[in-house]
Protein backbone atom coordinates (compact mmCIF):
# COMPACT_ATOMS: atom_id res chain seq x y z
CA UNK A 1 0.00 0.00 0.00
CA UNK A 2 1.37 3.42 -0.95
CA UNK A 3 0.66 6.65 0.88
CA UNK A 4 1.62 10.16 -0.14
CA UNK A 5 3.20 11.92 2.82
CA UNK A 6 4.61 15.34 3.46
CA UNK A 7 8.41 15.09 3.63
CA UNK A 8 9.00 18.82 4.25
CA UNK A 9 7.16 22.07 3.64
CA UNK A 10 7.81 21.88 -0.10
CA UNK A 11 8.12 18.14 -0.78
CA UNK A 12 5.77 15.21 -0.78
CA UNK A 13 6.85 11.60 -1.22
CA UNK A 14 5.42 8.13 -1.58
CA UNK A 15 5.90 5.65 1.21
CA UNK A 16 5.08 1.96 0.93
CA UNK A 17 3.63 0.08 3.88
CA UNK A 18 3.55 -3.71 4.19
CA UNK A 19 0.50 -5.58 5.38
CA UNK A 20 0.81 -8.26 8.10
CA UNK A 21 1.48 -11.12 5.65
CA UNK A 22 4.11 -9.14 3.74
CA UNK A 23 5.73 -8.05 7.00
CA UNK A 24 5.99 -11.66 8.25
CA UNK A 25 7.43 -12.81 4.92
CA UNK A 26 9.96 -9.98 4.78
CA UNK A 27 11.05 -10.58 8.39
CA UNK A 28 11.51 -14.32 7.81
CA UNK A 29 13.58 -13.72 4.67
CA UNK A 30 15.70 -11.10 6.40
CA UNK A 31 16.37 -13.42 9.36
CA UNK A 32 17.35 -16.21 6.95
CA UNK A 33 19.73 -13.82 5.20
CA UNK A 34 21.42 -12.91 8.49
CA UNK A 35 22.03 -16.63 9.08
CA UNK A 36 23.93 -16.93 5.77
CA UNK A 37 27.51 -18.09 6.32
CA UNK A 38 30.33 -15.96 4.92
CA UNK A 39 34.00 -16.79 4.43
CA UNK A 40 35.34 -14.08 6.76
CA UNK A 41 37.18 -15.31 9.86
CA UNK A 42 35.66 -14.81 13.30
CA UNK A 43 37.75 -12.59 15.59
CA UNK A 44 38.59 -15.36 18.06
CA UNK A 45 38.72 -18.53 15.95
CA UNK A 46 37.32 -20.09 12.82
CA UNK A 47 37.20 -19.42 9.13
CA UNK A 48 33.46 -18.82 8.67
CA UNK A 49 30.66 -17.02 10.46
CA UNK A 50 27.11 -15.80 9.90
CA UNK A 51 26.39 -12.32 8.59
CA UNK A 52 24.76 -11.50 11.94
CA UNK A 53 27.98 -12.34 13.82
CA UNK A 54 30.07 -10.42 11.30
CA UNK A 55 27.94 -7.28 11.75
CA UNK A 56 28.21 -7.56 15.54
CA UNK A 57 31.99 -7.98 15.36
CA UNK A 58 32.42 -5.01 13.02
CA UNK A 59 30.38 -2.84 15.38
CA UNK A 60 32.56 -3.97 18.29
CA UNK A 61 35.79 -3.21 16.40
CA UNK A 62 34.50 0.19 15.25
CA UNK A 63 33.42 1.09 18.80
CA UNK A 64 36.92 0.24 20.08
CA UNK A 65 38.35 2.55 17.43
CA UNK A 66 35.97 5.38 18.43
CA UNK A 67 36.90 4.93 22.11
CA UNK A 68 40.58 5.06 21.08
CA UNK A 69 41.14 1.52 22.37
CA UNK A 70 42.45 0.65 18.89
CA UNK A 71 44.64 2.88 16.78
CA UNK A 72 42.89 2.12 13.49
CA UNK A 73 39.85 0.39 12.10
CA UNK A 74 39.99 -1.44 8.81
CA UNK A 75 36.65 -3.01 7.86
CA UNK A 76 36.87 -6.69 6.99
CA UNK A 77 33.99 -6.29 4.56
CA UNK A 78 34.77 -5.05 1.08
CA UNK A 79 32.22 -3.93 -1.48
CA UNK A 80 32.94 -5.32 -4.90
């Protein structure tokens, strides 16, 4: 379902809303995606991990960099 909404005083935009069935389907597919295994080593041990774990580890490493606990932060994820 699309709704036209006011984005600012001079702009309007379309926004799409999902119904309950579409929301359940989207959530299930997203959760399955986060359980996909990637070939990026886990911080502590192992050669593979899920996308969910990888995201959590990257957040942890970035937070350590922001708190100056680490001198640099080099993301382990590259966009090709």
